[in-house]
Structure formats: structure tokens, C-alpha cells
Amino acid sequence: VQLQASGGGLVQPGGSLRLSCAASGTIFRIYSMGWYRQAPGKQRELAASITSDGIITYADSVKGRLTISRENAKNTVYLQMNSLQGEDTAVYYCNADASSRGYRRWYWGQGTLVTVSS
């Protein structure tokens, strides 16, 4: 299973970005998908996650500004980011809890950089 993230870039404070992450390969089932982020000098942290049933979890710091969604038919998860602030600057990684070839494990994408700066 491969995860390909896209959509990062440079945005001004208060701006918006939309990240996408598509899973490909031999996939039997994807259970949960999510976005983690790692700011410079900090540990990787959960930003948002969504299960196959649509149960969503957000970090307190992003509630009301970031919205996660997914298209199960396309094995794709999105992260709509609004009202971006400097502290949102980070590398954003998507992940998926998926089963493939009889094994279930977490898979990670390569990360996409989001820089919030004027």
C-alpha cells in the first residue's frame, strides 16, 4: 500500500489549503485514515482522523479550522485547512490503517510541507 500526499505549499496567515492523500496498491480494506503533523523541533502529533464509518477525531488546536473527509471509493482522505496560523506550519503526513495481502498495519505517506507565513 502506497500513500501519496499532495496540496502543501506556502500560504499567508488566515489563508486556506486543501491536502489530499490517495492510497494505492493491493488494498483489501482501509479502516481509519488520518493526518499527522510535525512542526520544526517538535514531535509528530495527530491533527485529524476519520474511520471508515465516518467517526472523526480532531486535535483541540485545529477544531473549527481544519476539516477532514474521505472518499472511500477512491481510497482518498482530504484535509481542508482554513484560517491557517503560523503554528500550523509543519510537515503533514497522511496515514492509513489498512489490510493488504492478509496483513493489517499502519501505512504512512511521504509528507507534504505547509508553511504559513506573510
N, C-alpha and C. Protein backbone atom coordinates (compact mmCIF):
# COMPACT_ATOMS: atom_id res chain seq x y z
N VAL A 1 0.85 -1.18 0.00
CA VAL A 1 0.00 0.00 0.00
C VAL A 1 0.89 1.23 0.00
N GLN A 2 0.61 2.13 -0.93
CA GLN A 2 1.35 3.39 -1.01
C GLN A 2 0.37 4.54 -0.78
N LEU A 3 0.85 5.55 -0.04
CA LEU A 3 0.07 6.74 0.21
C LEU A 3 0.78 7.92 -0.42
N GLN A 4 0.07 8.66 -1.25
CA GLN A 4 0.63 9.82 -1.94
C GLN A 4 -0.11 11.06 -1.50
N ALA A 5 0.61 11.93 -0.78
CA ALA A 5 0.03 13.17 -0.29
C ALA A 5 0.38 14.32 -1.22
N SER A 6 -0.52 15.29 -1.31
CA SER A 6 -0.28 16.47 -2.13
C SER A 6 -1.07 17.64 -1.58
N GLY A 7 -0.74 18.84 -2.05
CA GLY A 7 -1.51 20.03 -1.70
C GLY A 7 -0.83 21.00 -0.77
N GLY A 8 0.34 20.66 -0.28
CA GLY A 8 1.03 21.59 0.61
C GLY A 8 1.58 22.78 -0.14
N GLY A 9 2.08 23.74 0.61
CA GLY A 9 2.65 24.93 -0.01
C GLY A 9 2.76 26.08 0.97
N LEU A 10 3.01 27.24 0.42
CA LEU A 10 3.14 28.47 1.20
C LEU A 10 1.82 29.23 1.17
N VAL A 11 1.35 29.64 2.33
CA VAL A 11 0.10 30.37 2.42
C VAL A 11 0.24 31.46 3.47
N GLN A 12 -0.45 32.56 3.27
CA GLN A 12 -0.40 33.65 4.24
C GLN A 12 -1.29 33.35 5.44
N PRO A 13 -1.00 33.94 6.58
CA PRO A 13 -1.88 33.76 7.75
C PRO A 13 -3.32 34.13 7.40
N GLY A 14 -4.23 33.28 7.84
CA GLY A 14 -5.63 33.47 7.53
C GLY A 14 -6.07 32.78 6.25
N GLY A 15 -5.12 32.25 5.51
CA GLY A 15 -5.42 31.60 4.24
C GLY A 15 -5.87 30.16 4.40
N SER A 16 -6.07 29.52 3.26
CA SER A 16 -6.57 28.14 3.23
C SER A 16 -5.73 27.27 2.31
N LEU A 17 -5.74 25.99 2.62
CA LEU A 17 -5.13 24.97 1.77
C LEU A 17 -5.96 23.71 1.89
N ARG A 18 -5.88 22.88 0.86
CA ARG A 18 -6.53 21.58 0.91
C ARG A 18 -5.52 20.50 0.58
N LEU A 19 -5.33 19.59 1.52
CA LEU A 19 -4.43 18.47 1.31
C LEU A 19 -5.23 17.25 0.86
N SER A 20 -4.59 16.45 0.03
CA SER A 20 -5.19 15.20 -0.43
C SER A 20 -4.20 14.07 -0.21
N CYS A 21 -4.71 12.88 0.02
CA CYS A 21 -3.85 11.71 0.17
C CYS A 21 -4.58 10.52 -0.40
N ALA A 22 -4.00 9.92 -1.43
CA ALA A 22 -4.61 8.78 -2.10
C ALA A 22 -3.82 7.51 -1.81
N ALA A 23 -4.52 6.48 -1.45
CA ALA A 23 -3.91 5.18 -1.21
C ALA A 23 -4.04 4.33 -2.46
N SER A 24 -2.97 3.60 -2.77
CA SER A 24 -2.97 2.74 -3.95
C SER A 24 -2.24 1.44 -3.63
N GLY A 25 -2.34 0.52 -4.55
CA GLY A 25 -1.70 -0.78 -4.35
C GLY A 25 -2.74 -1.85 -4.10
N THR A 26 -2.29 -2.97 -3.53
CA THR A 26 -3.18 -4.08 -3.25
C THR A 26 -3.83 -3.85 -1.89
N ILE A 27 -5.05 -3.37 -1.93
CA ILE A 27 -5.75 -2.99 -0.70
C ILE A 27 -7.00 -3.86 -0.55
N PHE A 28 -7.09 -4.51 0.59
CA PHE A 28 -8.32 -5.26 0.87
C PHE A 28 -9.34 -4.35 1.52
N ARG A 29 -8.87 -3.62 2.53
CA ARG A 29 -9.78 -2.71 3.23
C ARG A 29 -8.97 -1.64 3.95
N ILE A 30 -9.50 -0.42 3.95
CA ILE A 30 -8.92 0.67 4.74
C ILE A 30 -9.86 0.98 5.89
N TYR A 31 -9.35 0.94 7.08
CA TYR A 31 -10.17 1.18 8.26
C TYR A 31 -10.15 2.68 8.59
N SER A 32 -9.12 3.17 9.18
CA SER A 32 -9.02 4.57 9.55
C SER A 32 -7.98 5.26 8.69
N MET A 33 -8.22 6.53 8.38
CA MET A 33 -7.23 7.36 7.69
C MET A 33 -7.07 8.64 8.49
N GLY A 34 -5.91 9.24 8.37
CA GLY A 34 -5.71 10.44 9.16
C GLY A 34 -4.55 11.29 8.70
N TRP A 35 -4.44 12.42 9.36
CA TRP A 35 -3.35 13.35 9.11
C TRP A 35 -2.63 13.64 10.41
N TYR A 36 -1.33 13.49 10.38
CA TYR A 36 -0.47 13.89 11.47
C TYR A 36 0.37 15.06 10.97
N ARG A 37 0.94 15.80 11.91
CA ARG A 37 1.83 16.87 11.50
C ARG A 37 3.01 16.97 12.46
N GLN A 38 4.10 17.44 11.91
CA GLN A 38 5.31 17.60 12.72
C GLN A 38 5.91 18.96 12.44
N ALA A 39 5.84 19.82 13.43
CA ALA A 39 6.42 21.15 13.32
C ALA A 39 7.91 21.09 13.61
N PRO A 40 8.68 22.06 13.15
CA PRO A 40 10.13 22.05 13.39
C PRO A 40 10.44 21.96 14.88
N GLY A 41 11.26 21.00 15.24
CA GLY A 41 11.68 20.84 16.62
C GLY A 41 10.66 20.21 17.54
N LYS A 42 9.55 19.73 16.97
CA LYS A 42 8.51 19.14 17.80
C LYS A 42 8.21 17.71 17.37
N GLN A 43 7.50 17.01 18.23
CA GLN A 43 7.12 15.65 17.91
C GLN A 43 5.94 15.62 16.96
N ARG A 44 5.83 14.53 16.24
CA ARG A 44 4.68 14.35 15.36
C ARG A 44 3.42 14.20 16.20
N GLU A 45 2.35 14.86 15.77
CA GLU A 45 1.10 14.82 16.52
C GLU A 45 -0.08 14.62 15.58
N LEU A 46 -1.13 14.06 16.12
CA LEU A 46 -2.35 13.86 15.35
C LEU A 46 -3.03 15.20 15.10
N ALA A 47 -3.41 15.44 13.85
CA ALA A 47 -4.23 16.61 13.53
C ALA A 47 -5.69 16.20 13.44
N ALA A 48 -5.96 15.14 12.68
CA ALA A 48 -7.33 14.68 12.50
C ALA A 48 -7.32 13.26 11.95
N SER A 49 -8.37 12.51 12.28
CA SER A 49 -8.51 11.17 11.75
C SER A 49 -9.98 10.89 11.48
N ILE A 50 -10.22 9.91 10.60
CA ILE A 50 -11.59 9.55 10.25
C ILE A 50 -11.64 8.06 9.98
N THR A 51 -12.63 7.39 10.57
CA THR A 51 -12.78 5.96 10.35
C THR A 51 -13.59 5.71 9.09
N SER A 52 -13.68 4.44 8.71
CA SER A 52 -14.46 4.09 7.53
C SER A 52 -15.95 4.34 7.75
N ASP A 53 -16.35 4.42 9.01
CA ASP A 53 -17.75 4.71 9.34
C ASP A 53 -18.00 6.21 9.50
N GLY A 54 -16.95 7.01 9.32
CA GLY A 54 -17.12 8.45 9.39
C GLY A 54 -16.96 9.06 10.77
N ILE A 55 -16.42 8.31 11.70
CA ILE A 55 -16.16 8.86 13.04
C ILE A 55 -14.88 9.69 12.98
N ILE A 56 -14.99 10.93 13.42
CA ILE A 56 -13.89 11.89 13.25
C ILE A 56 -13.33 12.31 14.60
N THR A 57 -12.02 12.46 14.64
CA THR A 57 -11.31 12.98 15.81
C THR A 57 -10.43 14.13 15.36
N TYR A 58 -10.46 15.22 16.11
CA TYR A 58 -9.61 16.38 15.86
C TYR A 58 -8.76 16.69 17.08
N ALA A 59 -7.55 17.18 16.83
CA ALA A 59 -6.76 17.77 17.90
C ALA A 59 -7.46 19.05 18.33
N ASP A 60 -7.38 19.37 19.61
CA ASP A 60 -8.04 20.58 20.12
C ASP A 60 -7.55 21.83 19.39
N SER A 61 -6.29 21.83 19.00
CA SER A 61 -5.70 23.02 18.40
C SER A 61 -6.21 23.32 17.00
N VAL A 62 -6.89 22.34 16.36
CA VAL A 62 -7.34 22.55 14.99
C VAL A 62 -8.86 22.58 14.86
N LYS A 63 -9.56 22.28 15.94
CA LYS A 63 -11.02 22.24 15.89
C LYS A 63 -11.59 23.57 15.39
N GLY A 64 -12.51 23.47 14.45
CA GLY A 64 -13.14 24.65 13.90
C GLY A 64 -12.40 25.26 12.73
N ARG A 65 -11.18 24.81 12.48
CA ARG A 65 -10.39 25.37 11.38
C ARG A 65 -10.03 24.31 10.33
N LEU A 66 -9.81 23.08 10.76
CA LEU A 66 -9.45 22.01 9.84
C LEU A 66 -10.62 21.03 9.76
N THR A 67 -10.87 20.54 8.55
CA THR A 67 -11.95 19.59 8.33
C THR A 67 -11.42 18.41 7.54
N ILE A 68 -11.59 17.22 8.11
CA ILE A 68 -11.15 16.00 7.44
C ILE A 68 -12.35 15.33 6.78
N SER A 69 -12.10 14.75 5.62
CA SER A 69 -13.15 14.00 4.91
C SER A 69 -12.47 12.91 4.10
N ARG A 70 -13.27 11.96 3.62
CA ARG A 70 -12.70 10.90 2.81
C ARG A 70 -13.69 10.41 1.77
N GLU A 71 -13.14 9.90 0.70
CA GLU A 71 -13.94 9.23 -0.33
C GLU A 71 -13.51 7.77 -0.33
N ASN A 72 -14.32 6.92 0.25
CA ASN A 72 -13.95 5.52 0.39
C ASN A 72 -13.76 4.85 -0.97
N ALA A 73 -14.57 5.23 -1.94
CA ALA A 73 -14.47 4.60 -3.26
C ALA A 73 -13.15 4.92 -3.96
N LYS A 74 -12.54 6.04 -3.56
CA LYS A 74 -11.27 6.45 -4.15
C LYS A 74 -10.09 6.22 -3.21
N ASN A 75 -10.36 5.65 -2.04
CA ASN A 75 -9.30 5.44 -1.04
C ASN A 75 -8.51 6.72 -0.79
N THR A 76 -9.23 7.82 -0.67
CA THR A 76 -8.61 9.13 -0.56
C THR A 76 -9.14 9.87 0.67
N VAL A 77 -8.22 10.53 1.36
CA VAL A 77 -8.59 11.36 2.50
C VAL A 77 -8.15 12.79 2.21
N TYR A 78 -8.94 13.75 2.68
CA TYR A 78 -8.68 15.16 2.46
C TYR A 78 -8.57 15.89 3.79
N LEU A 79 -7.86 17.01 3.76
CA LEU A 79 -7.81 17.88 4.92
C LEU A 79 -7.97 19.31 4.43
N GLN A 80 -9.14 19.87 4.67
CA GLN A 80 -9.38 21.27 4.34
C GLN A 80 -8.92 22.11 5.50
N MET A 81 -8.00 23.02 5.25
CA MET A 81 -7.42 23.84 6.31
C MET A 81 -7.76 25.30 6.06
N ASN A 82 -8.49 25.90 6.98
CA ASN A 82 -8.89 27.30 6.89
C ASN A 82 -8.32 28.08 8.06
N SER A 83 -8.30 29.39 7.91
CA SER A 83 -7.82 30.28 8.99
C SER A 83 -6.46 29.82 9.50
N LEU A 84 -5.58 29.53 8.58
CA LEU A 84 -4.27 29.00 8.96
C LEU A 84 -3.45 30.02 9.73
N GLN A 85 -2.70 29.52 10.69
CA GLN A 85 -1.87 30.35 11.55
C GLN A 85 -0.43 29.86 11.48
N GLY A 86 0.48 30.68 11.97
CA GLY A 86 1.89 30.32 11.94
C GLY A 86 2.18 28.99 12.60
N GLU A 87 1.45 28.71 13.66
CA GLU A 87 1.71 27.45 14.38
C GLU A 87 1.21 26.22 13.64
N ASP A 88 0.53 26.43 12.51
CA ASP A 88 0.14 25.31 11.66
C ASP A 88 1.26 24.90 10.71
N THR A 89 2.33 25.68 10.67
CA THR A 89 3.47 25.33 9.83
C THR A 89 4.05 23.99 10.28
N ALA A 90 4.12 23.05 9.35
CA ALA A 90 4.58 21.71 9.69
C ALA A 90 4.63 20.86 8.43
N VAL A 91 5.27 19.72 8.55
CA VAL A 91 5.13 18.68 7.52
C VAL A 91 3.92 17.85 7.90
N TYR A 92 3.01 17.71 6.97
CA TYR A 92 1.78 16.96 7.21
C TYR A 92 1.91 15.57 6.57
N TYR A 93 1.66 14.56 7.38
CA TYR A 93 1.76 13.18 6.94
C TYR A 93 0.38 12.54 6.99
N CYS A 94 0.02 11.84 5.93
CA CYS A 94 -1.21 11.06 5.99
C CYS A 94 -0.87 9.63 6.38
N ASN A 95 -1.83 8.97 7.01
CA ASN A 95 -1.63 7.56 7.32
C ASN A 95 -2.93 6.80 7.15
N ALA A 96 -2.79 5.50 7.07
CA ALA A 96 -3.97 4.65 6.88
C ALA A 96 -3.77 3.34 7.60
N ASP A 97 -4.80 2.91 8.28
CA ASP A 97 -4.86 1.59 8.90
C ASP A 97 -5.53 0.69 7.86
N ALA A 98 -4.73 -0.17 7.22
CA ALA A 98 -5.26 -0.91 6.08
C ALA A 98 -4.80 -2.36 6.11
N SER A 99 -5.60 -3.19 5.45
CA SER A 99 -5.22 -4.59 5.30
C SER A 99 -4.87 -4.84 3.84
N SER A 100 -3.80 -5.59 3.68
CA SER A 100 -3.29 -5.90 2.34
C SER A 100 -2.60 -7.25 2.37
N ARG A 101 -2.96 -8.12 1.45
CA ARG A 101 -2.34 -9.44 1.35
C ARG A 101 -2.38 -10.19 2.68
N GLY A 102 -3.45 -10.06 3.40
CA GLY A 102 -3.63 -10.81 4.62
C GLY A 102 -3.05 -10.17 5.87
N TYR A 103 -2.44 -9.01 5.72
CA TYR A 103 -1.86 -8.33 6.88
C TYR A 103 -2.52 -6.98 7.08
N ARG A 104 -2.67 -6.60 8.31
CA ARG A 104 -3.22 -5.30 8.66
C ARG A 104 -2.16 -4.51 9.41
N ARG A 105 -1.93 -3.30 8.97
CA ARG A 105 -0.92 -2.45 9.62
C ARG A 105 -1.16 -1.01 9.23
N TRP A 106 -0.40 -0.11 9.88
CA TRP A 106 -0.45 1.31 9.56
C TRP A 106 0.54 1.61 8.44
N TYR A 107 0.10 2.42 7.49
CA TYR A 107 0.94 2.87 6.40
C TYR A 107 1.04 4.39 6.47
N TRP A 108 2.20 4.92 6.00
CA TRP A 108 2.44 6.36 6.06
C TRP A 108 2.80 6.90 4.69
N GLY A 109 2.34 8.11 4.41
CA GLY A 109 2.74 8.83 3.22
C GLY A 109 4.05 9.55 3.44
N GLN A 110 4.52 10.23 2.40
CA GLN A 110 5.85 10.83 2.44
C GLN A 110 5.86 12.21 3.10
N GLY A 111 4.72 12.79 3.33
CA GLY A 111 4.68 14.11 3.94
C GLY A 111 4.62 15.23 2.92
N THR A 112 3.87 16.26 3.26
CA THR A 112 3.81 17.45 2.42
C THR A 112 3.95 18.67 3.33
N LEU A 113 4.78 19.62 2.92
CA LEU A 113 5.12 20.76 3.76
C LEU A 113 4.09 21.87 3.61
N VAL A 114 3.61 22.35 4.74
CA VAL A 114 2.72 23.51 4.79
C VAL A 114 3.44 24.61 5.55
N THR A 115 3.61 25.74 4.90
CA THR A 115 4.28 26.88 5.52
C THR A 115 3.31 28.06 5.55
N VAL A 116 3.04 28.54 6.76
CA VAL A 116 2.15 29.69 6.93
C VAL A 116 3.01 30.89 7.31
N SER A 117 3.09 31.83 6.38
CA SER A 117 3.97 32.98 6.60
C SER A 117 3.55 34.13 5.70
N SER A 118 3.76 35.34 6.19
CA SER A 118 3.49 36.51 5.37
C SER A 118 4.74 36.97 4.63
